[in-house]
Amino acid sequence: MGRSDRGGPGGRGGCGCGPWLLLSAVGLGVGLFVLLGIERQVTTEIVIEAPPSQVWPYVVDFEGYANWNPFVTRMYGEAVAGGDLVADLEIAGFEGQLTAEVDVAVPGQELAWSGSILWVVLRDEHYVELEPAGRGRTLLRHGSTLRGLVPAVLWGRLRPQLEAGYQKHNQRLKAKSEGR
């Protein structure tokens, strides 16, 4: 066997691992695509003894969120469709800044936004819906559809904390709206 047969000068060279590297890269890409496409959902409800018009101001008081929202340490923006929101979050030992765009803002009815933390880390489609529930009451629906590495990898730890936090958020919103 000459030098060129062993990958020396004038030979093919390399380790012959090119196809394996390509397959590995494709596999990693497919794996990330699958992980990032997994949806995780959190949905909560509560009845508030106040009409939607009395609940709405608290839903959109972003500056006040830091005082009572269990996850938000700071939030600002405008509750108008197409508006930008920024929130500093602490969830399940994870801290990050979520940037979002308001998708829906119908006073007294619905606020929805979608945003992310570094897009692949966490994507959140978040909503708060207010529905008249008779006798001056409001049915509040509050939830998220989450995608990204954090919910895909840490869902077992994240889900109970999110559900508890959303329930706490709802209870605090209820107390504020009911004047307690």
Protein backbone atom coordinates (compact mmCIF):
# COMPACT_ATOMS: atom_id res chain seq x y z
CA MET A 1 0.00 0.00 0.00
CA GLY A 2 1.40 3.42 -0.97
CA ARG A 3 1.18 6.66 0.95
CA SER A 4 -1.75 7.87 -1.18
CA ASP A 5 -3.82 4.85 -0.09
CA ARG A 6 -3.45 5.80 3.56
CA GLY A 7 -4.54 9.41 3.26
CA GLY A 8 -1.05 10.90 2.89
CA PRO A 9 -0.02 13.44 0.25
CA GLY A 10 -2.04 12.94 -2.91
CA GLY A 11 -4.57 10.66 -1.15
CA ARG A 12 -8.13 11.27 -0.01
CA GLY A 13 -7.01 12.29 3.47
CA GLY A 14 -9.18 12.74 6.53
CA CYS A 15 -10.52 10.21 8.93
CA GLY A 16 -13.44 9.01 6.84
CA CYS A 17 -15.80 10.44 9.47
CA GLY A 18 -17.40 13.12 7.26
CA PRO A 19 -20.63 11.16 6.74
CA TRP A 20 -20.87 10.50 10.50
CA LEU A 21 -20.40 14.17 11.32
CA LEU A 22 -23.07 15.09 8.79
CA LEU A 23 -25.49 12.50 10.19
CA SER A 24 -24.78 13.70 13.73
CA ALA A 25 -25.46 17.32 12.77
CA VAL A 26 -28.69 16.33 11.03
CA GLY A 27 -29.74 14.25 14.04
CA LEU A 28 -29.01 17.12 16.41
CA GLY A 29 -30.97 19.50 14.20
CA VAL A 30 -33.96 17.14 14.04
CA GLY A 31 -33.80 16.60 17.81
CA LEU A 32 -33.80 20.36 18.50
CA PHE A 33 -36.62 20.86 16.00
CA VAL A 34 -38.72 18.23 17.81
CA LEU A 35 -37.89 19.62 21.27
CA LEU A 36 -38.67 23.19 20.24
CA GLY A 37 -41.95 22.14 18.66
CA ILE A 38 -43.28 20.43 21.79
CA GLU A 39 -46.13 22.45 23.29
CA ARG A 40 -46.75 22.57 27.02
CA GLN A 41 -49.91 24.22 28.32
CA VAL A 42 -51.02 25.74 31.59
CA THR A 43 -54.68 26.73 31.98
CA THR A 44 -56.34 28.16 35.09
CA GLU A 45 -59.73 29.68 35.96
CA ILE A 46 -61.24 31.62 38.84
CA VAL A 47 -64.50 33.45 39.49
CA ILE A 48 -64.08 37.02 40.68
CA GLU A 49 -66.86 38.83 42.54
CA ALA A 50 -66.52 41.94 40.39
CA PRO A 51 -67.50 42.83 36.81
CA PRO A 52 -64.91 42.61 34.00
CA SER A 53 -64.69 46.42 33.88
CA GLN A 54 -63.41 46.37 37.47
CA VAL A 55 -60.92 43.53 36.86
CA TRP A 56 -59.43 44.89 33.61
CA PRO A 57 -57.45 47.80 35.11
CA TYR A 58 -55.44 45.32 37.21
CA VAL A 59 -54.85 43.01 34.24
CA VAL A 60 -53.19 45.86 32.32
CA ASP A 61 -51.39 47.59 35.23
CA PHE A 62 -48.00 46.19 34.19
CA GLU A 63 -46.03 48.51 36.47
CA GLY A 64 -47.97 47.13 39.44
CA TYR A 65 -47.30 43.47 38.54
CA ALA A 66 -44.03 43.46 40.49
CA ASN A 67 -46.02 44.16 43.67
CA TRP A 68 -48.29 41.13 43.43
CA ASN A 69 -47.45 38.84 40.49
CA PRO A 70 -45.50 35.77 41.72
CA PHE A 71 -43.23 35.59 38.63
CA VAL A 72 -42.80 39.19 37.47
CA THR A 73 -40.13 41.35 39.09
CA ARG A 74 -40.63 44.15 36.55
CA MET A 75 -42.93 44.63 33.56
CA TYR A 76 -43.65 47.51 31.25
CA GLY A 77 -45.34 48.24 27.97
CA GLU A 78 -48.76 49.15 26.61
CA ALA A 79 -51.84 46.98 26.42
CA VAL A 80 -52.59 47.75 22.76
CA ALA A 81 -52.53 45.29 19.88
CA GLY A 82 -49.07 45.44 18.31
CA GLY A 83 -47.57 47.01 21.45
CA ASP A 84 -44.35 45.78 22.98
CA LEU A 85 -44.03 44.29 26.46
CA VAL A 86 -40.92 43.53 28.47
CA ALA A 87 -40.98 41.45 31.65
CA ASP A 88 -38.24 40.38 34.01
CA LEU A 89 -39.22 36.93 35.27
CA GLU A 90 -38.20 34.50 38.01
CA ILE A 91 -39.71 31.03 37.53
CA ALA A 92 -38.54 27.73 39.01
CA GLY A 93 -35.09 29.14 39.80
CA PHE A 94 -34.76 30.49 36.26
CA GLU A 95 -34.38 34.22 35.64
CA GLY A 96 -34.76 35.89 32.29
CA GLN A 97 -36.19 38.81 30.38
CA LEU A 98 -39.20 38.10 28.21
CA THR A 99 -39.84 40.39 25.27
CA ALA A 100 -43.32 40.13 23.80
CA GLU A 101 -45.80 41.66 21.42
CA VAL A 102 -49.43 42.20 22.37
CA ASP A 103 -51.55 40.08 20.04
CA VAL A 104 -54.99 40.97 21.42
CA ALA A 105 -56.09 43.81 23.71
CA VAL A 106 -59.85 44.15 24.05
CA PRO A 107 -60.61 46.18 27.18
CA GLY A 108 -62.70 44.24 29.67
CA GLN A 109 -62.42 41.04 27.62
CA GLU A 110 -59.00 39.75 26.60
CA LEU A 111 -55.30 40.43 26.73
CA ALA A 112 -52.97 38.07 24.88
CA TRP A 113 -49.30 38.34 24.05
CA SER A 114 -46.60 36.17 22.57
CA GLY A 115 -42.96 36.52 23.34
CA SER A 116 -39.72 34.79 24.09
CA ILE A 117 -36.52 34.57 26.02
CA LEU A 118 -33.81 34.10 23.37
CA TRP A 119 -36.45 32.43 21.15
CA VAL A 120 -35.18 28.84 21.60
CA VAL A 121 -34.98 29.05 25.40
CA LEU A 122 -38.66 29.88 26.01
CA ARG A 123 -41.58 30.94 23.80
CA ASP A 124 -44.80 31.93 25.55
CA GLU A 125 -48.26 32.56 24.12
CA HIS A 126 -49.96 34.04 27.17
CA TYR A 127 -53.58 35.06 27.67
CA VAL A 128 -56.00 36.49 30.21
CA GLU A 129 -59.68 36.29 29.27
CA LEU A 130 -62.49 37.96 31.19
CA GLU A 131 -66.03 36.69 30.72
CA PRO A 132 -69.14 38.03 32.45
CA ALA A 133 -70.39 35.34 34.84
CA GLY A 134 -73.69 36.90 35.89
CA ARG A 135 -74.60 38.89 39.00
CA GLY A 136 -71.64 41.25 38.51
CA ARG A 137 -69.05 38.47 38.51
CA THR A 138 -66.21 37.62 36.13
CA LEU A 139 -64.86 34.27 35.00
CA LEU A 140 -61.12 34.77 34.52
CA ARG A 141 -59.25 32.31 32.30
CA HIS A 142 -55.49 32.62 32.50
CA GLY A 143 -52.94 30.47 30.75
CA SER A 144 -50.02 29.92 28.43
CA THR A 145 -48.82 27.72 25.64
CA LEU A 146 -45.07 27.25 26.08
CA ARG A 147 -42.40 26.02 23.69
CA GLY A 148 -38.63 25.90 23.78
CA LEU A 149 -35.81 24.20 25.62
CA VAL A 150 -36.91 25.16 29.14
CA PRO A 151 -40.44 23.69 28.96
CA ALA A 152 -39.29 20.71 26.86
CA VAL A 153 -36.50 19.70 29.22
CA LEU A 154 -37.74 20.93 32.62
CA TRP A 155 -41.52 20.41 32.35
CA GLY A 156 -41.71 18.01 35.30
CA ARG A 157 -40.26 20.67 37.58
CA LEU A 158 -41.72 23.70 35.81
CA ARG A 159 -45.37 22.65 35.47
CA PRO A 160 -46.31 22.46 39.18
CA GLN A 161 -44.57 25.78 39.85
CA LEU A 162 -46.32 27.47 36.92
CA GLU A 163 -49.72 26.12 37.91
CA ALA A 164 -49.23 27.21 41.53
CA GLY A 165 -47.94 30.61 40.40
CA TYR A 166 -50.83 31.18 37.99
CA GLN A 167 -53.30 30.24 40.74
CA LYS A 168 -51.56 32.65 43.12
CA HIS A 169 -51.67 35.35 40.42
CA ASN A 170 -55.40 34.70 39.97
CA GLN A 171 -56.08 34.83 43.73
CA ARG A 172 -54.19 38.11 44.08
CA LEU A 173 -55.96 39.58 41.05
CA LYS A 174 -59.27 38.48 42.59
CA ALA A 175 -58.44 40.12 45.92
CA LYS A 176 -57.40 43.39 44.22
CA SER A 177 -60.50 43.42 41.99
CA GLU A 178 -62.80 42.71 44.94
CA GLY A 179 -61.19 45.51 46.96
CA ARG A 180 -59.61 43.22 49.56
